[in-house]
Amino acid sequence: MRLSRRHLFAGLLGAGALLPACSAERSVERSGPTATVRRVVALGWGDAETALALGVQPVGAADWLAFGGEGVGPWASGLYDAPPEILGTLEPSYEAIAALEPDLILDVKSSGDPARYETLSAIATTVGVPRGFENYLTPQRDQVEVIAQALDRVERGRDLLQRNDDAFSAAAAAHPGWKGATFTAASRTARGWGAYVAGSERVAFAERLGFVQNPAVAALPVGSSGFSVEVSAERLTVLDADVVVVFPIGVPAEEVRTDPVLATVPAVAAGRSIVFDRDLASAYSLSSILSTRWALDRVVTALEGLGELP
C-alpha cells in the first residue's frame, strides 16, 4: 500500500496525468491489483524524453542537462501541452515529488541507489534501473523497452527502436569507409581531459556507424564511473585515432577548439576532429530515443565534412 505524504515524511524525519497524449487509461502492475496510471513523474537520465516519445507527458521531470523551460532539448520541443514541474536530479525533493501525487515514477536510467528506490517506491509505483545497469548505464534499448512496458506502449516502443536502427543502418551503409575506422570520444571539463569507453552510449553511437573504439583508450583503466577514463594533458596523444570527437562539459566549445594541448593530437592536427557545440553534445550524451535521432543527422554531416579517412 502506498504511504500518504504525511506518513512518508514523518517516516523520513524519524529514520501527466497521462495527459491528453494518452486518450485511454493505462495500468501497470503493482504488488497487488492493477491500478490506473494517471500521473507520471520521470526522474532518470532521458526518462522524460522517452515517455514523451511514447506519447506520455510527465507531470514532473528532472532536467539533467539544465535545458531550462520544460527540461528537454530542441529535439523534444513542443511535445508538452503543459510544462512539467522540474525536479532535482541527483538529490530530488521527495516532498515535491509526492506533492505531484504520481501514480508512476520512472527512474530507469539512474544511479540504482537502493535508498533512493525505496523512498520513491513509498510515494508511488517506481520503475527503477534494470539489474546490471546501475550508475546510469541503462542502454537506450532497455530504457525504451522498460518504460514502454510500464506505460503499456510496447508496440510504439518497438517502432521507435526500429526506426532508429534503420536510420543508423542506412547511415553506415552509405559510408563504408567508416567501417573499422578507429574513434575516440573525448571529454574536456574544467578538471581536465578524459575519454569514454566501450559500454558507454557515447561509444555505442559511433559503433553503430561502423567505427571501433580507439585501442589505446580501451587499454586504460576505467574510472569509478564505469564509462570513462581520465587522461592527463601530458598523455593526450593517447586520444589519437582516425576520428576524434570532443564533448565540452562546462567549458565553451571555442575554448576547447583553440586549446594548444588538443592540437598535439595527430588526428586533430590533421583536421580529423570534431568539437561538439552544446546542443549536439547534449543530444549525443543524453542518448534518448529522441535526441539520438536528432544527433545522428548532425553527426553524420560533421563526419562527412572530415573527408576520406586514413
Protein backbone atom coordinates (compact mmCIF):
# COMPACT_ATOMS: atom_id res chain seq x y z
CA MET A 1 0.00 0.00 0.00
CA ARG A 2 1.33 3.49 -0.80
CA LEU A 3 2.11 5.79 2.08
CA SER A 4 0.36 9.13 2.37
CA ARG A 5 2.60 12.18 2.08
CA ARG A 6 2.19 12.87 5.80
CA HIS A 7 3.20 9.34 6.79
CA LEU A 8 6.03 9.25 4.25
CA PHE A 9 7.75 12.37 5.52
CA ALA A 10 7.12 11.56 9.14
CA GLY A 11 8.98 8.33 8.46
CA LEU A 12 11.84 10.14 6.73
CA LEU A 13 12.24 12.57 9.63
CA GLY A 14 12.21 9.71 12.09
CA ALA A 15 14.73 7.50 10.40
CA GLY A 16 0.89 13.60 -16.78
CA ALA A 17 -1.83 12.65 -15.72
CA LEU A 18 -1.03 10.56 -18.72
CA LEU A 19 -2.03 13.84 -20.31
CA PRO A 20 -4.05 14.36 -23.50
CA ALA A 21 -1.40 12.43 -25.43
CA CYS A 22 -2.93 9.35 -23.78
CA SER A 23 -6.55 9.04 -24.80
CA ALA A 24 -7.16 5.89 -22.80
CA GLU A 25 -6.43 5.00 -19.21
CA ARG A 26 -3.41 2.73 -18.81
CA SER A 27 -2.42 0.44 -15.99
CA VAL A 28 0.72 -1.03 -14.51
CA GLU A 29 1.18 -4.00 -12.25
CA ARG A 30 1.70 -3.26 -8.57
CA SER A 31 2.33 -5.83 -5.90
CA GLY A 32 -1.43 -6.17 -5.71
CA PRO A 33 -4.20 -5.43 -8.25
CA THR A 34 -3.50 -3.21 -11.24
CA ALA A 35 -4.04 0.49 -10.68
CA THR A 36 -4.84 3.13 -13.26
CA VAL A 37 -1.88 5.32 -14.21
CA ARG A 38 -2.89 8.97 -14.48
CA ARG A 39 0.18 10.94 -13.40
CA VAL A 40 3.78 10.12 -14.28
CA VAL A 41 6.98 11.58 -12.83
CA ALA A 42 10.16 10.95 -14.84
CA LEU A 43 13.43 11.27 -12.90
CA GLY A 44 16.04 9.19 -14.74
CA TRP A 45 18.50 10.48 -17.34
CA GLY A 46 16.38 10.76 -20.52
CA ASP A 47 13.33 9.11 -18.94
CA ALA A 48 11.08 12.13 -19.59
CA GLU A 49 12.02 12.26 -23.28
CA THR A 50 11.42 8.53 -23.56
CA ALA A 51 7.93 8.95 -22.10
CA LEU A 52 7.27 11.85 -24.47
CA ALA A 53 8.38 9.78 -27.46
CA LEU A 54 5.86 7.16 -26.35
CA GLY A 55 3.09 9.77 -26.24
CA VAL A 56 3.00 10.30 -22.47
CA GLN A 57 3.55 13.72 -20.89
CA PRO A 58 5.09 13.57 -17.39
CA VAL A 59 3.73 15.96 -14.77
CA GLY A 60 7.18 16.16 -13.19
CA ALA A 61 10.63 15.66 -14.67
CA ALA A 62 14.34 16.02 -13.94
CA ASP A 63 16.35 18.45 -16.08
CA TRP A 64 19.72 16.67 -16.10
CA LEU A 65 21.37 18.92 -18.68
CA ALA A 66 19.98 22.24 -17.45
CA PHE A 67 17.99 22.95 -20.60
CA GLY A 68 15.61 25.17 -18.66
CA GLY A 69 11.96 25.63 -19.58
CA GLU A 70 10.36 22.21 -20.00
CA GLY A 71 13.63 20.42 -19.24
CA VAL A 72 14.10 18.98 -22.74
CA GLY A 73 16.29 19.77 -25.73
CA PRO A 74 15.17 21.25 -29.08
CA TRP A 75 14.51 17.74 -30.44
CA ALA A 76 11.61 17.41 -27.97
CA SER A 77 10.28 20.94 -28.28
CA GLY A 78 6.50 21.21 -28.47
CA LEU A 79 5.72 17.75 -27.11
CA TYR A 80 4.27 19.06 -23.84
CA ASP A 81 0.80 20.59 -23.71
CA ALA A 82 1.67 21.98 -20.28
CA PRO A 83 5.18 22.20 -18.82
CA PRO A 84 6.11 19.66 -16.15
CA GLU A 85 7.30 20.64 -12.71
CA ILE A 86 11.09 20.49 -12.86
CA LEU A 87 12.51 18.39 -10.05
CA GLY A 88 16.02 17.72 -8.77
CA THR A 89 18.42 15.23 -10.32
CA LEU A 90 20.96 13.60 -8.01
CA GLU A 91 19.04 14.64 -4.90
CA PRO A 92 15.42 15.26 -5.87
CA SER A 93 12.95 16.73 -3.42
CA TYR A 94 10.86 13.76 -2.35
CA GLU A 95 8.32 16.12 -0.86
CA ALA A 96 7.92 17.90 -4.21
CA ILE A 97 7.54 14.55 -5.96
CA ALA A 98 4.90 13.39 -3.50
CA ALA A 99 3.04 16.70 -3.87
CA LEU A 100 2.51 15.85 -7.55
CA GLU A 101 0.60 12.72 -6.43
CA PRO A 102 2.10 10.48 -9.13
CA ASP A 103 0.78 7.03 -9.92
CA LEU A 104 4.05 6.03 -11.57
CA ILE A 105 7.65 7.17 -11.15
CA LEU A 106 10.27 6.46 -13.82
CA ASP A 107 13.86 6.23 -12.56
CA VAL A 108 15.17 3.86 -15.21
CA LYS A 109 18.49 5.48 -16.13
CA SER A 110 19.76 6.43 -12.72
CA SER A 111 22.26 5.56 -10.02
CA GLY A 112 20.35 2.49 -8.87
CA ASP A 113 20.79 3.57 -5.25
CA PRO A 114 18.58 1.28 -3.12
CA ALA A 115 17.66 4.01 -0.63
CA ARG A 116 16.50 6.29 -3.45
CA TYR A 117 14.42 3.49 -4.96
CA GLU A 118 12.82 2.59 -1.62
CA THR A 119 11.91 6.20 -0.88
CA LEU A 120 10.40 6.71 -4.33
CA SER A 121 8.52 3.42 -4.06
CA ALA A 122 6.90 4.66 -0.86
CA ILE A 123 5.44 7.54 -2.86
CA ALA A 124 4.22 5.57 -5.90
CA THR A 125 4.98 2.55 -8.03
CA THR A 126 8.55 3.10 -9.22
CA VAL A 127 10.23 1.61 -12.29
CA GLY A 128 13.91 1.52 -11.39
CA VAL A 129 17.21 0.66 -13.02
CA PRO A 130 17.30 -2.73 -14.77
CA ARG A 131 19.61 -5.15 -12.97
CA GLY A 132 23.23 -4.77 -14.05
CA PHE A 133 22.86 -1.25 -15.40
CA GLU A 134 23.40 0.79 -12.25
CA ASN A 135 25.34 4.07 -12.34
CA TYR A 136 23.49 5.49 -15.37
CA LEU A 137 24.49 2.66 -17.70
CA THR A 138 20.99 1.64 -18.85
CA PRO A 139 21.26 1.26 -22.65
CA GLN A 140 18.79 3.14 -24.79
CA ARG A 141 17.10 -0.05 -25.97
CA ASP A 142 16.49 -1.26 -22.41
CA GLN A 143 15.30 2.18 -21.35
CA VAL A 144 12.71 2.29 -24.13
CA GLU A 145 11.57 -1.29 -23.61
CA VAL A 146 11.19 -0.95 -19.83
CA ILE A 147 9.34 2.36 -19.99
CA ALA A 148 7.16 1.22 -22.90
CA GLN A 149 6.15 -1.83 -20.86
CA ALA A 150 5.32 0.30 -17.81
CA LEU A 151 3.22 2.68 -19.91
CA ASP A 152 1.51 -0.06 -21.92
CA ARG A 153 3.07 1.27 -25.12
CA VAL A 154 5.11 -1.79 -26.11
CA GLU A 155 4.35 -1.68 -29.84
CA ARG A 156 5.09 2.02 -30.04
CA GLY A 157 8.39 1.42 -28.27
CA ARG A 158 9.34 -1.28 -30.77
CA ASP A 159 8.51 1.05 -33.64
CA LEU A 160 10.68 3.84 -32.22
CA LEU A 161 13.63 1.49 -31.78
CA GLN A 162 13.23 0.02 -35.26
CA ARG A 163 13.16 3.44 -36.87
CA ASN A 164 16.35 4.43 -35.05
CA ASP A 165 18.01 1.15 -36.02
CA ASP A 166 17.05 1.72 -39.65
CA ALA A 167 18.47 5.25 -39.61
CA PHE A 168 21.83 4.07 -38.22
CA SER A 169 21.98 1.16 -40.64
CA ALA A 170 21.30 3.47 -43.59
CA ALA A 171 23.99 5.91 -42.47
CA ALA A 172 26.54 3.12 -42.02
CA ALA A 173 25.71 1.59 -45.40
CA ALA A 174 26.12 4.96 -47.10
CA HIS A 175 29.61 5.38 -45.63
CA PRO A 176 31.51 2.08 -45.98
CA GLY A 177 34.79 3.90 -45.30
CA TRP A 178 33.78 4.29 -41.67
CA LYS A 179 33.69 0.55 -41.08
CA GLY A 180 36.64 -0.44 -38.90
CA ALA A 181 37.96 3.13 -38.56
CA THR A 182 39.11 3.98 -35.04
CA PHE A 183 37.18 6.51 -32.99
CA THR A 184 37.80 8.40 -29.76
CA ALA A 185 35.02 10.06 -27.81
CA ALA A 186 36.91 12.52 -25.61
CA SER A 187 35.70 14.93 -22.96
CA ARG A 188 37.02 18.24 -21.69
CA THR A 189 35.81 19.57 -18.36
CA ALA A 190 37.09 22.26 -16.02
CA ARG A 191 39.05 19.49 -14.29
CA GLY A 192 40.79 18.21 -17.39
CA TRP A 193 40.60 15.64 -20.16
CA GLY A 194 39.01 12.22 -20.39
CA ALA A 195 37.64 9.65 -22.81
CA TYR A 196 34.61 7.38 -22.88
CA VAL A 197 34.97 3.61 -23.06
CA ALA A 198 33.10 0.67 -24.56
CA GLY A 199 29.77 0.14 -22.85
CA SER A 200 29.00 3.86 -22.74
CA GLU A 201 26.33 5.27 -25.02
CA ARG A 202 28.82 7.76 -26.48
CA VAL A 203 30.96 4.95 -27.85
CA ALA A 204 27.99 2.78 -28.81
CA PHE A 205 26.70 5.60 -31.04
CA ALA A 206 29.89 5.52 -33.12
CA GLU A 207 29.99 1.72 -33.18
CA ARG A 208 26.55 1.68 -34.77
CA LEU A 209 28.06 3.67 -37.65
CA GLY A 210 30.84 1.12 -38.15
CA PHE A 211 33.61 2.69 -36.07
CA VAL A 212 35.65 0.82 -33.47
CA GLN A 213 36.96 2.21 -30.22
CA ASN A 214 40.49 3.54 -30.11
CA PRO A 215 42.51 0.55 -28.74
CA ALA A 216 44.80 2.84 -26.73
CA VAL A 217 41.82 4.25 -24.84
CA ALA A 218 40.34 0.78 -24.40
CA ALA A 219 43.55 -0.29 -22.64
CA LEU A 220 43.32 2.45 -19.98
CA PRO A 221 41.95 1.65 -16.50
CA VAL A 222 38.30 2.64 -16.22
CA GLY A 223 37.37 5.15 -13.54
CA SER A 224 34.78 4.76 -10.82
CA SER A 225 32.04 5.97 -13.17
CA GLY A 226 32.34 2.77 -15.19
CA PHE A 227 32.07 4.59 -18.51
CA SER A 228 35.09 6.90 -18.77
CA VAL A 229 38.81 7.25 -18.14
CA GLU A 230 40.89 10.25 -17.15
CA VAL A 231 43.67 11.38 -19.48
CA SER A 232 46.36 13.82 -18.39
CA ALA A 233 47.33 16.69 -20.69
CA GLU A 234 50.81 15.20 -20.89
CA ARG A 235 49.40 11.98 -22.34
CA LEU A 236 46.74 13.48 -24.57
CA THR A 237 48.14 11.83 -27.69
CA VAL A 238 46.58 8.61 -26.41
CA LEU A 239 43.36 10.05 -27.83
CA ASP A 240 44.72 9.81 -31.37
CA ALA A 241 42.50 7.83 -33.75
CA ASP A 242 41.13 8.03 -37.27
CA VAL A 243 38.44 10.33 -35.85
CA VAL A 244 38.42 12.23 -32.56
CA VAL A 245 35.26 13.90 -31.23
CA VAL A 246 35.31 16.04 -28.12
CA PHE A 247 32.47 16.76 -25.71
CA PRO A 248 32.97 20.11 -23.93
CA ILE A 249 31.39 19.84 -20.47
CA GLY A 250 31.08 23.13 -18.64
CA VAL A 251 33.74 24.61 -20.93
CA PRO A 252 33.00 26.75 -24.03
CA ALA A 253 33.41 24.78 -27.25
CA GLU A 254 35.56 27.51 -28.79
CA GLU A 255 37.96 27.33 -25.85
CA VAL A 256 38.36 23.61 -26.47
CA ARG A 257 38.82 24.05 -30.22
CA THR A 258 41.65 26.53 -29.72
CA ASP A 259 43.38 24.68 -26.88
CA PRO A 260 47.01 24.17 -28.00
CA VAL A 261 47.19 20.95 -25.99
CA LEU A 262 44.44 19.41 -28.12
CA ALA A 263 46.40 20.35 -31.23
CA THR A 264 49.17 17.95 -30.14
CA VAL A 265 46.89 15.01 -31.03
CA PRO A 266 47.84 13.96 -34.60
CA ALA A 267 44.23 13.48 -35.75
CA VAL A 268 43.39 16.98 -34.57
CA ALA A 269 46.40 18.46 -36.34
CA ALA A 270 45.33 16.61 -39.50
CA GLY A 271 41.81 18.05 -39.36
CA ARG A 272 40.05 14.82 -38.38
CA SER A 273 38.40 16.04 -35.20
CA ILE A 274 35.04 17.48 -34.22
CA VAL A 275 34.33 19.56 -31.11
CA PHE A 276 30.61 19.41 -30.48
CA ASP A 277 28.60 22.51 -29.65
CA ARG A 278 26.35 22.45 -26.59
CA ASP A 279 23.17 21.21 -28.24
CA LEU A 280 24.89 18.44 -30.19
CA ALA A 281 26.95 17.35 -27.19
CA SER A 282 23.78 17.27 -25.09
CA ALA A 283 21.79 15.33 -27.68
CA TYR A 284 24.55 12.76 -28.19
CA SER A 285 25.21 12.42 -24.45
CA LEU A 286 21.59 12.20 -23.36
CA SER A 287 21.09 9.34 -25.80
CA SER A 288 17.32 9.35 -25.50
CA ILE A 289 15.31 7.83 -28.31
CA LEU A 290 14.50 11.40 -29.45
CA SER A 291 17.89 13.05 -29.01
CA THR A 292 19.80 10.25 -30.74
CA ARG A 293 17.87 10.62 -33.98
CA TRP A 294 18.36 14.39 -33.90
CA ALA A 295 22.09 13.96 -33.20
CA LEU A 296 22.55 11.32 -35.90
CA ASP A 297 21.76 13.68 -38.78
CA ARG A 298 24.17 16.30 -37.46
CA VAL A 299 26.97 13.90 -36.56
CA VAL A 300 26.82 12.27 -40.00
CA THR A 301 27.08 15.69 -41.65
CA ALA A 302 30.04 16.62 -39.44
CA LEU A 303 31.81 13.32 -40.16
CA GLU A 304 31.26 13.75 -43.89
CA GLY A 305 32.97 17.13 -43.58
CA LEU A 306 36.19 15.42 -42.45
CA GLY A 307 36.64 13.88 -45.89
CA GLU A 308 38.19 10.48 -46.57
CA LEU A 309 39.63 8.76 -43.51
CA PRO A 310 43.07 7.09 -43.44
